[in-house]
Amino acid sequence: MQYKKHLKRLKKYHYNWFNITFVILLFPLVILLSWICSRVFRVYLFKYKRTGLNENNIEINTYEELLGELEKHNVKDFDIEKEQLKEFMIGLFKKEISTLMLRNKDSKKWIIGLHGFKRNKYFALRNIFHFYKQGYNILTFDAYAHGKTYGTKSDFGYTNAEVLDEVVRWVKLTFNVEEIGIFGVSMGASTSLFFANKYYKENKVNWIIADCAFSEVIPQIRYFLKKALKIPWWLMSFNINKNFKKYTDVSLKDVNLLVKNDDINDLKILYIHGKADDFVLYDNSIVLYYLKTSIESVKISDIELFEGAKHSGSLWTNISRYRDKTLNFVKQNN
């Protein structure tokens, strides 16, 4: 898949001698634009609704909001009743995680769903409810600083990986588990992969499906800024990590998936991405897939690219292919 070509596209959002030279020459302008962008981007990052009504006057983070989303995409086979879903909290008093569970009687198979940025646990059901008919129990949760889960400032999946680790441990301690997999979309996809790098060795899962993951946070923000404001990213992203850290106390540099990690060589991962994604470049998934398979003695991971699919849109582009691919991947070697 011409890995080097796709890596080169991602590296366009890293500093090099060329853009560093211009940063130095235009330093006063860079400082001013970076200060302005940090204020504007802060609103995008931290000011989003977690409760109340959405633009269609439907309560956020509810079964009804999910029905509206499925209707918008003309999904007609969702037959899960509201009464089948159980919403509850797990975790410590000041670190409670809001979860949603759908049980299959006597099943020992589990799938944990992770939603994207500014979404919630009901949205996480969109991509995984087809697993219910295959006998899986389903558990989704509001990400860190989303919905009813603890936290006030989202940090692009850094703390959410810790939340996911706790959720996986809770499922294992509470139920008799024979299989447990993770299915993440967008920020949820990156969270699942960051979880694998940090926690998998001590807290194993059977598989991960990562739909439209970004590989690094800072280059992703630079790409977003360039796309939104139509000027070179290096003019407006000086000290972005330092500015972000003022609000979250974490370093964005730590969310870096472009590393080989032999600890996950036995974990099978399916990477999904839309080739028309103009929010998270599909090059991310190709590079991540290459790095993962390069440490596998026997190829167990896979990648599926969807022509014409925009961000988080592979499911809607070809829903039957999406479901078949995800189910078949899970069945392989299980």
C-alpha atoms as a PDB file:
ATOM      1  CA  MET A   1       0.000   0.000   0.000  1.00  0.00           C
ATOM      2  CA  GLN A   2       2.993   2.285  -0.456  1.00  0.00           C
ATOM      3  CA  TYR A   3       3.434   2.804   3.270  1.00  0.00           C
ATOM      4  CA  LYS A   4       6.168   5.425   2.829  1.00  0.00           C
ATOM      5  CA  LYS A   5       3.929   7.593   0.634  1.00  0.00           C
ATOM      6  CA  HIS A   6       1.195   7.625   3.278  1.00  0.00           C
ATOM      7  CA  LEU A   7       3.675   8.257   6.088  1.00  0.00           C
ATOM      8  CA  LYS A   8       5.059  11.199   4.103  1.00  0.00           C
ATOM      9  CA  ARG A   9       1.563  12.738   3.964  1.00  0.00           C
ATOM     10  CA  LEU A  10       1.319  12.512   7.749  1.00  0.00           C
ATOM     11  CA  LYS A  11       4.799  13.967   8.203  1.00  0.00           C
ATOM     12  CA  LYS A  12       3.659  17.123   6.392  1.00  0.00           C
ATOM     13  CA  TYR A  13       2.253  18.143   9.774  1.00  0.00           C
ATOM     14  CA  HIS A  14       5.573  17.792  11.574  1.00  0.00           C
ATOM     15  CA  TYR A  15       8.242  20.488  11.818  1.00  0.00           C
ATOM     16  CA  ASN A  16      11.162  20.339   9.360  1.00  0.00           C
ATOM     17  CA  TRP A  17      14.012  22.668   8.436  1.00  0.00           C
ATOM     18  CA  PHE A  18      11.845  24.460   5.854  1.00  0.00           C
ATOM     19  CA  ASN A  19       8.938  25.474   8.080  1.00  0.00           C
ATOM     20  CA  ILE A  20      11.197  26.060  11.090  1.00  0.00           C
ATOM     21  CA  THR A  21      13.077  28.655   9.009  1.00  0.00           C
ATOM     22  CA  PHE A  22       9.858  30.502   8.240  1.00  0.00           C
ATOM     23  CA  VAL A  23       8.702  30.278  11.856  1.00  0.00           C
ATOM     24  CA  ILE A  24      11.907  32.043  12.886  1.00  0.00           C
ATOM     25  CA  LEU A  25      11.606  34.684  10.158  1.00  0.00           C
ATOM     26  CA  LEU A  26       7.946  35.380  10.936  1.00  0.00           C
ATOM     27  CA  PHE A  27       8.118  34.766  14.666  1.00  0.00           C
ATOM     28  CA  PRO A  28       6.062  37.798  15.848  1.00  0.00           C
ATOM     29  CA  LEU A  29       3.255  36.871  13.435  1.00  0.00           C
ATOM     30  CA  VAL A  30       3.483  33.200  14.455  1.00  0.00           C
ATOM     31  CA  ILE A  31       3.140  34.129  18.134  1.00  0.00           C
ATOM     32  CA  LEU A  32       0.118  36.345  17.452  1.00  0.00           C
ATOM     33  CA  LEU A  33      -1.722  33.836  15.241  1.00  0.00           C
ATOM     34  CA  SER A  34      -0.929  30.964  17.603  1.00  0.00           C
ATOM     35  CA  TRP A  35      -2.332  32.934  20.531  1.00  0.00           C
ATOM     36  CA  ILE A  36      -5.521  33.724  18.599  1.00  0.00           C
ATOM     37  CA  CYS A  37      -5.927  30.120  17.431  1.00  0.00           C
ATOM     38  CA  SER A  38      -5.395  28.752  20.920  1.00  0.00           C
ATOM     39  CA  ARG A  39      -8.337  30.871  22.105  1.00  0.00           C
ATOM     40  CA  VAL A  40     -10.578  29.928  19.200  1.00  0.00           C
ATOM     41  CA  PHE A  41      -9.681  26.236  19.248  1.00  0.00           C
ATOM     42  CA  ARG A  42     -10.177  26.104  23.009  1.00  0.00           C
ATOM     43  CA  VAL A  43     -13.867  26.815  22.453  1.00  0.00           C
ATOM     44  CA  TYR A  44     -14.100  23.963  19.938  1.00  0.00           C
ATOM     45  CA  LEU A  45     -12.310  21.562  22.273  1.00  0.00           C
ATOM     46  CA  PHE A  46     -13.972  22.318  25.556  1.00  0.00           C
ATOM     47  CA  LYS A  47     -17.299  24.059  24.922  1.00  0.00           C
ATOM     48  CA  TYR A  48     -19.753  21.387  23.798  1.00  0.00           C
ATOM     49  CA  LYS A  49     -23.137  20.276  25.101  1.00  0.00           C
ATOM     50  CA  ARG A  50     -23.225  17.221  27.330  1.00  0.00           C
ATOM     51  CA  THR A  51     -26.854  17.588  28.394  1.00  0.00           C
ATOM     52  CA  GLY A  52     -29.959  19.375  27.162  1.00  0.00           C
ATOM     53  CA  LEU A  53     -31.538  19.336  23.711  1.00  0.00           C
ATOM     54  CA  ASN A  54     -29.829  18.848  20.369  1.00  0.00           C
ATOM     55  CA  GLU A  55     -30.561  20.855  17.205  1.00  0.00           C
ATOM     56  CA  ASN A  56     -33.695  18.733  16.651  1.00  0.00           C
ATOM     57  CA  ASN A  57     -35.007  19.413  20.164  1.00  0.00           C
ATOM     58  CA  ILE A  58     -34.293  15.840  21.252  1.00  0.00           C
ATOM     59  CA  GLU A  59     -32.675  15.142  24.609  1.00  0.00           C
ATOM     60  CA  ILE A  60     -28.934  14.505  24.226  1.00  0.00           C
ATOM     61  CA  ASN A  61     -27.531  11.133  25.260  1.00  0.00           C
ATOM     62  CA  THR A  62     -30.817   9.246  25.014  1.00  0.00           C
ATOM     63  CA  TYR A  63     -32.406   6.364  23.155  1.00  0.00           C
ATOM     64  CA  GLU A  64     -34.521   8.893  21.240  1.00  0.00           C
ATOM     65  CA  GLU A  65     -31.427  10.715  19.983  1.00  0.00           C
ATOM     66  CA  LEU A  66     -30.060   7.405  18.700  1.00  0.00           C
ATOM     67  CA  LEU A  67     -33.323   6.686  16.859  1.00  0.00           C
ATOM     68  CA  GLY A  68     -33.097  10.095  15.194  1.00  0.00           C
ATOM     69  CA  GLU A  69     -29.538   9.401  14.058  1.00  0.00           C
ATOM     70  CA  LEU A  70     -30.475   6.013  12.598  1.00  0.00           C
ATOM     71  CA  GLU A  71     -33.512   7.485  10.856  1.00  0.00           C
ATOM     72  CA  LYS A  72     -31.304  10.173   9.293  1.00  0.00           C
ATOM     73  CA  HIS A  73     -29.187   7.430   7.727  1.00  0.00           C
ATOM     74  CA  ASN A  74     -32.186   5.311   6.736  1.00  0.00           C
ATOM     75  CA  VAL A  75     -31.305   2.379   9.009  1.00  0.00           C
ATOM     76  CA  LYS A  76     -34.468   0.288   9.307  1.00  0.00           C
ATOM     77  CA  ASP A  77     -33.313  -2.896  11.066  1.00  0.00           C
ATOM     78  CA  PHE A  78     -32.695  -1.497  14.534  1.00  0.00           C
ATOM     79  CA  ASP A  79     -35.081  -3.574  16.639  1.00  0.00           C
ATOM     80  CA  ILE A  80     -33.662  -3.047  20.130  1.00  0.00           C
ATOM     81  CA  GLU A  81     -36.300  -1.728  22.509  1.00  0.00           C
ATOM     82  CA  LYS A  82     -35.555   0.977  25.029  1.00  0.00           C
ATOM     83  CA  GLU A  83     -36.462  -1.370  27.881  1.00  0.00           C
ATOM     84  CA  GLN A  84     -33.657  -3.752  26.844  1.00  0.00           C
ATOM     85  CA  LEU A  85     -31.017  -1.123  27.568  1.00  0.00           C
ATOM     86  CA  LYS A  86     -29.760  -0.580  31.094  1.00  0.00           C
ATOM     87  CA  GLU A  87     -28.027   2.701  31.957  1.00  0.00           C
ATOM     88  CA  PHE A  88     -25.928   2.778  35.125  1.00  0.00           C
ATOM     89  CA  MET A  89     -22.713   4.103  36.690  1.00  0.00           C
ATOM     90  CA  ILE A  90     -19.534   2.241  37.542  1.00  0.00           C
ATOM     91  CA  GLY A  91     -16.368   3.449  39.244  1.00  0.00           C
ATOM     92  CA  LEU A  92     -15.490   5.579  42.250  1.00  0.00           C
ATOM     93  CA  PHE A  93     -17.679   8.408  43.520  1.00  0.00           C
ATOM     94  CA  LYS A  94     -15.674  11.229  41.917  1.00  0.00           C
ATOM     95  CA  LYS A  95     -14.695   9.124  38.913  1.00  0.00           C
ATOM     96  CA  GLU A  96     -17.996   7.600  37.871  1.00  0.00           C
ATOM     97  CA  ILE A  97     -18.361   6.252  34.334  1.00  0.00           C
ATOM     98  CA  SER A  98     -21.796   6.330  32.721  1.00  0.00           C
ATOM     99  CA  THR A  99     -22.415   3.049  30.900  1.00  0.00           C
ATOM    100  CA  LEU A 100     -25.105   1.461  28.761  1.00  0.00           C
ATOM    101  CA  MET A 101     -25.572  -2.306  28.669  1.00  0.00           C
ATOM    102  CA  LEU A 102     -27.492  -4.673  26.404  1.00  0.00           C
ATOM    103  CA  ARG A 103     -27.453  -8.265  27.666  1.00  0.00           C
ATOM    104  CA  ASN A 104     -27.795 -11.502  25.737  1.00  0.00           C
ATOM    105  CA  LYS A 105     -29.048 -14.157  28.136  1.00  0.00           C
ATOM    106  CA  ASP A 106     -26.320 -16.602  29.211  1.00  0.00           C
ATOM    107  CA  SER A 107     -23.821 -15.149  26.690  1.00  0.00           C
ATOM    108  CA  LYS A 108     -20.159 -14.952  27.701  1.00  0.00           C
ATOM    109  CA  LYS A 109     -19.132 -12.838  24.708  1.00  0.00           C
ATOM    110  CA  TRP A 110     -18.739  -9.076  25.103  1.00  0.00           C
ATOM    111  CA  ILE A 111     -18.148  -6.072  22.888  1.00  0.00           C
ATOM    112  CA  ILE A 112     -17.311  -2.637  24.291  1.00  0.00           C
ATOM    113  CA  GLY A 113     -18.190   0.318  22.053  1.00  0.00           C
ATOM    114  CA  LEU A 114     -16.443   3.697  22.104  1.00  0.00           C
ATOM    115  CA  HIS A 115     -17.896   6.842  20.534  1.00  0.00           C
ATOM    116  CA  GLY A 116     -16.186   9.807  18.916  1.00  0.00           C
ATOM    117  CA  PHE A 117     -15.485  13.365  20.041  1.00  0.00           C
ATOM    118  CA  LYS A 118     -18.583  15.265  21.240  1.00  0.00           C
ATOM    119  CA  ARG A 119     -20.726  12.119  20.977  1.00  0.00           C
ATOM    120  CA  ASN A 120     -22.071   9.796  23.680  1.00  0.00           C
ATOM    121  CA  LYS A 121     -22.702   6.182  24.677  1.00  0.00           C
ATOM    122  CA  TYR A 122     -25.913   5.924  22.634  1.00  0.00           C
ATOM    123  CA  PHE A 123     -24.076   6.934  19.466  1.00  0.00           C
ATOM    124  CA  ALA A 124     -21.590   4.124  20.175  1.00  0.00           C
ATOM    125  CA  LEU A 125     -24.409   1.634  19.556  1.00  0.00           C
ATOM    126  CA  ARG A 126     -24.686   2.660  15.873  1.00  0.00           C
ATOM    127  CA  ASN A 127     -21.643   0.730  14.742  1.00  0.00           C
ATOM    128  CA  ILE A 128     -22.007  -2.358  16.903  1.00  0.00           C
ATOM    129  CA  PHE A 129     -25.652  -3.280  17.467  1.00  0.00           C
ATOM    130  CA  HIS A 130     -25.400  -5.913  14.694  1.00  0.00           C
ATOM    131  CA  PHE A 131     -23.195  -7.913  17.078  1.00  0.00           C
ATOM    132  CA  TYR A 132     -26.192  -8.403  19.375  1.00  0.00           C
ATOM    133  CA  LYS A 133     -27.820 -10.830  16.926  1.00  0.00           C
ATOM    134  CA  GLN A 134     -24.545 -12.760  16.898  1.00  0.00           C
ATOM    135  CA  GLY A 135     -24.916 -13.441  20.619  1.00  0.00           C
ATOM    136  CA  TYR A 136     -22.762 -10.650  22.046  1.00  0.00           C
ATOM    137  CA  ASN A 137     -23.448  -8.643  25.146  1.00  0.00           C
ATOM    138  CA  ILE A 138     -22.913  -4.941  24.408  1.00  0.00           C
ATOM    139  CA  LEU A 139     -21.484  -2.301  26.720  1.00  0.00           C
ATOM    140  CA  THR A 140     -20.905   1.320  25.761  1.00  0.00           C
ATOM    141  CA  PHE A 141     -19.911   4.280  27.925  1.00  0.00           C
ATOM    142  CA  ASP A 142     -19.662   8.046  27.863  1.00  0.00           C
ATOM    143  CA  ALA A 143     -16.033   8.947  27.234  1.00  0.00           C
ATOM    144  CA  TYR A 144     -13.980  10.933  29.698  1.00  0.00           C
ATOM    145  CA  ALA A 145     -15.386  14.505  29.925  1.00  0.00           C
ATOM    146  CA  HIS A 146     -18.386  13.497  27.810  1.00  0.00           C
ATOM    147  CA  GLY A 147     -22.000  12.852  28.750  1.00  0.00           C
ATOM    148  CA  LYS A 148     -22.414  11.831  32.384  1.00  0.00           C
ATOM    149  CA  THR A 149     -18.890  10.467  32.854  1.00  0.00           C
ATOM    150  CA  TYR A 150     -16.463  12.332  35.098  1.00  0.00           C
ATOM    151  CA  GLY A 151     -14.049  14.929  33.741  1.00  0.00           C
ATOM    152  CA  THR A 152     -14.431  18.508  32.532  1.00  0.00           C
ATOM    153  CA  LYS A 153     -11.853  18.899  29.739  1.00  0.00           C
ATOM    154  CA  SER A 154     -11.505  16.295  26.987  1.00  0.00           C
ATOM    155  CA  ASP A 155      -7.918  15.321  26.163  1.00  0.00           C
ATOM    156  CA  PHE A 156      -8.331  13.476  22.859  1.00  0.00           C
ATOM    157  CA  GLY A 157      -8.433  10.001  24.361  1.00  0.00           C
ATOM    158  CA  TYR A 158      -5.485  10.172  26.767  1.00  0.00           C
ATOM    159  CA  THR A 159      -7.534   9.772  29.949  1.00  0.00           C
ATOM    160  CA  ASN A 160     -10.228   7.872  28.081  1.00  0.00           C
ATOM    161  CA  ALA A 161      -7.790   4.982  27.616  1.00  0.00           C
ATOM    162  CA  GLU A 162      -7.585   4.777  31.402  1.00  0.00           C
ATOM    163  CA  VAL A 163     -11.388   4.822  31.569  1.00  0.00           C
ATOM    164  CA  LEU A 164     -11.544   2.006  29.007  1.00  0.00           C
ATOM    165  CA  ASP A 165      -9.044  -0.010  31.037  1.00  0.00           C
ATOM    166  CA  GLU A 166     -11.321   0.290  34.069  1.00  0.00           C
ATOM    167  CA  VAL A 167     -14.410  -0.679  32.049  1.00  0.00           C
ATOM    168  CA  VAL A 168     -12.689  -3.798  30.660  1.00  0.00           C
ATOM    169  CA  ARG A 169     -11.577  -4.812  34.165  1.00  0.00           C
ATOM    170  CA  TRP A 170     -15.094  -4.244  35.521  1.00  0.00           C
ATOM    171  CA  VAL A 171     -16.638  -6.528  32.882  1.00  0.00           C
ATOM    172  CA  LYS A 172     -14.092  -9.260  33.635  1.00  0.00           C
ATOM    173  CA  LEU A 173     -14.646  -9.018  37.377  1.00  0.00           C
ATOM    174  CA  THR A 174     -18.446  -8.869  37.159  1.00  0.00           C
ATOM    175  CA  PHE A 175     -19.207 -11.538  34.545  1.00  0.00           C
ATOM    176  CA  ASN A 176     -17.941 -14.868  33.299  1.00  0.00           C
ATOM    177  CA  VAL A 177     -16.155 -13.737  30.134  1.00  0.00           C
ATOM    178  CA  GLU A 178     -14.935 -16.008  27.349  1.00  0.00           C
ATOM    179  CA  GLU A 179     -14.405 -13.299  24.721  1.00  0.00           C
ATOM    180  CA  ILE A 180     -14.150  -9.531  24.907  1.00  0.00           C
ATOM    181  CA  GLY A 181     -13.536  -7.115  22.057  1.00  0.00           C
ATOM    182  CA  ILE A 182     -13.364  -3.349  21.611  1.00  0.00           C
ATOM    183  CA  PHE A 183     -14.914  -1.329  18.796  1.00  0.00           C
ATOM    184  CA  GLY A 184     -13.999   2.364  18.605  1.00  0.00           C
ATOM    185  CA  VAL A 185     -14.871   5.134  16.163  1.00  0.00           C
ATOM    186  CA  SER A 186     -12.781   8.296  15.576  1.00  0.00           C
ATOM    187  CA  MET A 187     -11.532   9.446  19.003  1.00  0.00           C
ATOM    188  CA  GLY A 188     -12.870   6.133  20.316  1.00  0.00           C
ATOM    189  CA  ALA A 189     -10.731   4.281  17.770  1.00  0.00           C
ATOM    190  CA  SER A 190      -7.591   6.134  18.849  1.00  0.00           C
ATOM    191  CA  THR A 191      -8.534   5.536  22.480  1.00  0.00           C
ATOM    192  CA  SER A 192      -8.780   1.790  21.868  1.00  0.00           C
ATOM    193  CA  LEU A 193      -5.343   1.710  20.217  1.00  0.00           C
ATOM    194  CA  PHE A 194      -3.794   3.867  22.947  1.00  0.00           C
ATOM    195  CA  PHE A 195      -5.337   1.494  25.496  1.00  0.00           C
ATOM    196  CA  ALA A 196      -3.682  -1.403  23.684  1.00  0.00           C
ATOM    197  CA  ASN A 197      -0.261   0.240  23.861  1.00  0.00           C
ATOM    198  CA  LYS A 198      -0.584   1.137  27.550  1.00  0.00           C
ATOM    199  CA  TYR A 199      -2.747  -1.527  29.168  1.00  0.00           C
ATOM    200  CA  TYR A 200      -3.171  -4.595  26.938  1.00  0.00           C
ATOM    201  CA  LYS A 201      -0.196  -6.483  28.362  1.00  0.00           C
ATOM    202  CA  GLU A 202      -1.836  -6.541  31.821  1.00  0.00           C
ATOM    203  CA  ASN A 203      -5.466  -6.391  30.709  1.00  0.00           C
ATOM    204  CA  LYS A 204      -5.916  -8.528  27.583  1.00  0.00           C
ATOM    205  CA  VAL A 205      -8.763  -8.375  25.123  1.00  0.00           C
ATOM    206  CA  ASN A 206      -9.411 -10.645  22.131  1.00  0.00           C
ATOM    207  CA  TRP A 207      -9.576  -8.050  19.378  1.00  0.00           C
ATOM    208  CA  ILE A 208      -9.955  -4.387  18.486  1.00  0.00           C
ATOM    209  CA  ILE A 209     -11.770  -2.714  15.597  1.00  0.00           C
ATOM    210  CA  ALA A 210     -10.615   0.872  15.018  1.00  0.00           C
ATOM    211  CA  ASP A 211     -12.714   2.943  12.628  1.00  0.00           C
ATOM    212  CA  CYS A 212     -11.044   6.185  11.365  1.00  0.00           C
ATOM    213  CA  ALA A 213      -8.387   6.545  14.065  1.00  0.00           C
ATOM    214  CA  PHE A 214      -5.860   9.372  14.162  1.00  0.00           C
ATOM    215  CA  SER A 215      -2.294   8.338  14.977  1.00  0.00           C
ATOM    216  CA  GLU A 216      -1.026  11.486  16.743  1.00  0.00           C
ATOM    217  CA  VAL A 217      -2.922  14.320  18.403  1.00  0.00           C
ATOM    218  CA  ILE A 218      -0.731  17.348  17.669  1.00  0.00           C
ATOM    219  CA  PRO A 219      -0.393  16.698  13.901  1.00  0.00           C
ATOM    220  CA  GLN A 220      -4.141  16.013  13.819  1.00  0.00           C
ATOM    221  CA  ILE A 221      -4.849  19.422  15.368  1.00  0.00           C
ATOM    222  CA  ARG A 222      -2.445  21.050  12.901  1.00  0.00           C
ATOM    223  CA  TYR A 223      -4.251  19.406  10.008  1.00  0.00           C
ATOM    224  CA  PHE A 224      -7.599  20.573  11.380  1.00  0.00           C
ATOM    225  CA  LEU A 225      -6.339  24.161  11.745  1.00  0.00           C
ATOM    226  CA  LYS A 226      -4.957  24.220   8.211  1.00  0.00           C
ATOM    227  CA  LYS A 227      -8.203  22.845   6.803  1.00  0.00           C
ATOM    228  CA  ALA A 228     -10.383  25.257   8.777  1.00  0.00           C
ATOM    229  CA  LEU A 229      -8.391  28.461   8.322  1.00  0.00           C
ATOM    230  CA  LYS A 230      -6.734  27.846   4.932  1.00  0.00           C
ATOM    231  CA  ILE A 231      -3.271  29.041   6.014  1.00  0.00           C
ATOM    232  CA  PRO A 232      -0.104  27.014   6.789  1.00  0.00           C
ATOM    233  CA  TRP A 233      -0.402  25.208  10.122  1.00  0.00           C
ATOM    234  CA  TRP A 234       3.073  26.319  11.289  1.00  0.00           C
ATOM    235  CA  LEU A 235       1.855  29.925  11.295  1.00  0.00           C
ATOM    236  CA  MET A 236      -0.665  29.240  14.050  1.00  0.00           C
ATOM    237  CA  SER A 237       0.279  26.224  16.168  1.00  0.00           C
ATOM    238  CA  PHE A 238       3.373  27.306  18.093  1.00  0.00           C
ATOM    239  CA  ASN A 239       3.444  25.869  21.632  1.00  0.00           C
ATOM    240  CA  ILE A 240       0.171  24.060  21.051  1.00  0.00           C
ATOM    241  CA  ASN A 241       1.080  21.303  23.494  1.00  0.00           C
ATOM    242  CA  LYS A 242       1.991  23.787  26.238  1.00  0.00           C
ATOM    243  CA  ASN A 243      -1.218  25.772  25.699  1.00  0.00           C
ATOM    244  CA  PHE A 244      -3.334  22.616  25.824  1.00  0.00           C
ATOM    245  CA  LYS A 245      -1.573  21.325  28.933  1.00  0.00           C
ATOM    246  CA  LYS A 246      -2.686  24.406  30.880  1.00  0.00           C
ATOM    247  CA  TYR A 247      -6.226  23.058  30.801  1.00  0.00           C
ATOM    248  CA  THR A 248      -5.827  19.279  30.915  1.00  0.00           C
ATOM    249  CA  ASP A 249      -2.542  18.610  32.741  1.00  0.00           C
ATOM    250  CA  VAL A 250      -1.578  15.998  30.123  1.00  0.00           C
ATOM    251  CA  SER A 251       0.862  16.136  27.250  1.00  0.00           C
ATOM    252  CA  LEU A 252      -0.641  15.691  23.810  1.00  0.00           C
ATOM    253  CA  LYS A 253       2.673  14.242  22.654  1.00  0.00           C
ATOM    254  CA  ASP A 254       1.969  11.142  24.735  1.00  0.00           C
ATOM    255  CA  VAL A 255      -0.924  10.156  22.461  1.00  0.00           C
ATOM    256  CA  ASN A 256       1.349   8.811  19.747  1.00  0.00           C
ATOM    257  CA  LEU A 257       0.441   5.548  18.044  1.00  0.00           C
ATOM    258  CA  LEU A 258       3.284   5.654  15.508  1.00  0.00           C
ATOM    259  CA  VAL A 259       5.448   3.333  17.569  1.00  0.00           C
ATOM    260  CA  LYS A 260       6.100  -0.367  17.247  1.00  0.00           C
ATOM    261  CA  ASN A 261       4.999  -2.223  20.351  1.00  0.00           C
ATOM    262  CA  ASP A 262       5.829  -5.914  20.591  1.00  0.00           C
ATOM    263  CA  ASP A 263       3.492  -6.223  23.572  1.00  0.00           C
ATOM    264  CA  ILE A 264       0.515  -6.206  21.180  1.00  0.00           C
ATOM    265  CA  ASN A 265       1.897  -8.554  18.507  1.00  0.00           C
ATOM    266  CA  ASP A 266      -0.733 -11.198  19.408  1.00  0.00           C
ATOM    267  CA  LEU A 267      -3.670  -8.751  19.431  1.00  0.00           C
ATOM    268  CA  LYS A 268      -5.622  -8.753  16.183  1.00  0.00           C
ATOM    269  CA  ILE A 269      -6.779  -5.339  15.010  1.00  0.00           C
ATOM    270  CA  LEU A 270      -9.040  -4.353  12.130  1.00  0.00           C
ATOM    271  CA  TYR A 271      -8.468  -0.837  10.808  1.00  0.00           C
ATOM    272  CA  ILE A 272     -11.369   0.801   8.950  1.00  0.00           C
ATOM    273  CA  HIS A 273     -11.257   4.141   7.162  1.00  0.00           C
ATOM    274  CA  GLY A 274     -13.107   6.104   4.520  1.00  0.00           C
ATOM    275  CA  LYS A 275     -10.881   7.248   1.669  1.00  0.00           C
ATOM    276  CA  ALA A 276     -12.786  10.536   1.406  1.00  0.00           C
ATOM    277  CA  ASP A 277     -12.265  11.359   5.081  1.00  0.00           C
ATOM    278  CA  ASP A 278     -11.279  15.032   5.175  1.00  0.00           C
ATOM    279  CA  PHE A 279     -11.153  15.265   8.963  1.00  0.00           C
ATOM    280  CA  VAL A 280      -8.805  12.388   9.815  1.00  0.00           C
ATOM    281  CA  LEU A 281      -6.718  11.398   6.797  1.00  0.00           C
ATOM    282  CA  TYR A 282      -7.057   7.730   5.861  1.00  0.00           C
ATOM    283  CA  ASP A 283      -3.255   7.636   5.648  1.00  0.00           C
ATOM    284  CA  ASN A 284      -3.368   7.251   9.441  1.00  0.00           C
ATOM    285  CA  SER A 285      -4.985   3.820   9.249  1.00  0.00           C
ATOM    286  CA  ILE A 286      -2.681   2.615   6.474  1.00  0.00           C
ATOM    287  CA  VAL A 287       0.416   3.565   8.456  1.00  0.00           C
ATOM    288  CA  LEU A 288      -0.971   2.073  11.667  1.00  0.00           C
ATOM    289  CA  TYR A 289      -1.846  -1.152   9.848  1.00  0.00           C
ATOM    290  CA  TYR A 290       1.660  -1.378   8.398  1.00  0.00           C
ATOM    291  CA  LEU A 291       3.293  -0.855  11.798  1.00  0.00           C
ATOM    292  CA  LYS A 292       1.049  -3.472  13.406  1.00  0.00           C
ATOM    293  CA  THR A 293       1.547  -6.175  10.785  1.00  0.00           C
ATOM    294  CA  SER A 294       5.307  -5.557  10.763  1.00  0.00           C
ATOM    295  CA  ILE A 295       5.520  -7.074  14.265  1.00  0.00           C
ATOM    296  CA  GLU A 296       3.233 -10.041  13.554  1.00  0.00           C
ATOM    297  CA  SER A 297       4.940 -13.359  12.899  1.00  0.00           C
ATOM    298  CA  VAL A 298       1.638 -14.581  11.445  1.00  0.00           C
ATOM    299  CA  LYS A 299      -0.624 -11.942   9.910  1.00  0.00           C
ATOM    300  CA  ILE A 300      -3.694 -11.559  12.112  1.00  0.00           C
ATOM    301  CA  SER A 301      -4.621  -7.903  11.590  1.00  0.00           C
ATOM    302  CA  ASP A 302      -6.455  -6.438   8.619  1.00  0.00           C
ATOM    303  CA  ILE A 303      -7.552  -3.187   6.998  1.00  0.00           C
ATOM    304  CA  GLU A 304     -10.692  -2.198   5.101  1.00  0.00           C
ATOM    305  CA  LEU A 305     -10.941   1.058   3.137  1.00  0.00           C
ATOM    306  CA  PHE A 306     -14.239   2.468   1.867  1.00  0.00           C
ATOM    307  CA  GLU A 307     -14.300   4.519  -1.324  1.00  0.00           C
ATOM    308  CA  GLY A 308     -16.215   7.780  -1.055  1.00  0.00           C
ATOM    309  CA  ALA A 309     -16.717   7.531   2.718  1.00  0.00           C
ATOM    310  CA  LYS A 310     -16.149  10.670   4.770  1.00  0.00           C
ATOM    311  CA  HIS A 311     -15.271  10.841   8.461  1.00  0.00           C
ATOM    312  CA  SER A 312     -17.098   8.152  10.449  1.00  0.00           C
ATOM    313  CA  GLY A 313     -19.077   7.465   7.278  1.00  0.00           C
ATOM    314  CA  SER A 314     -17.864   4.032   6.201  1.00  0.00           C
ATOM    315  CA  LEU A 315     -20.853   2.445   7.942  1.00  0.00           C
ATOM    316  CA  TRP A 316     -23.325   4.528   5.942  1.00  0.00           C
ATOM    317  CA  THR A 317     -21.483   4.142   2.623  1.00  0.00           C
ATOM    318  CA  ASN A 318     -21.974   0.380   2.537  1.00  0.00           C
ATOM    319  CA  ILE A 319     -23.661  -0.895   5.680  1.00  0.00           C
ATOM    320  CA  SER A 320     -23.851  -4.567   4.625  1.00  0.00           C
ATOM    321  CA  ARG A 321     -20.165  -4.697   3.682  1.00  0.00           C
ATOM    322  CA  TYR A 322     -19.263  -2.910   6.923  1.00  0.00           C
ATOM    323  CA  ARG A 323     -21.175  -5.388   9.039  1.00  0.00           C
ATOM    324  CA  ASP A 324     -19.958  -8.443   7.133  1.00  0.00           C
ATOM    325  CA  LYS A 325     -16.337  -7.343   7.385  1.00  0.00           C
ATOM    326  CA  THR A 326     -16.462  -6.625  11.106  1.00  0.00           C
ATOM    327  CA  LEU A 327     -18.275  -9.863  11.963  1.00  0.00           C
ATOM    328  CA  ASN A 328     -16.039 -12.028   9.772  1.00  0.00           C
ATOM    329  CA  PHE A 329     -12.907 -10.432  11.183  1.00  0.00           C
ATOM    330  CA  VAL A 330     -13.991 -11.231  14.722  1.00  0.00           C
ATOM    331  CA  LYS A 331     -14.793 -14.843  13.813  1.00  0.00           C
ATOM    332  CA  GLN A 332     -11.368 -15.452  12.274  1.00  0.00           C
ATOM    333  CA  ASN A 333      -8.981 -17.288  14.636  1.00  0.00           C
ATOM    334  CA  ASN A 334     -11.482 -17.099  17.487  1.00  0.00           C
END
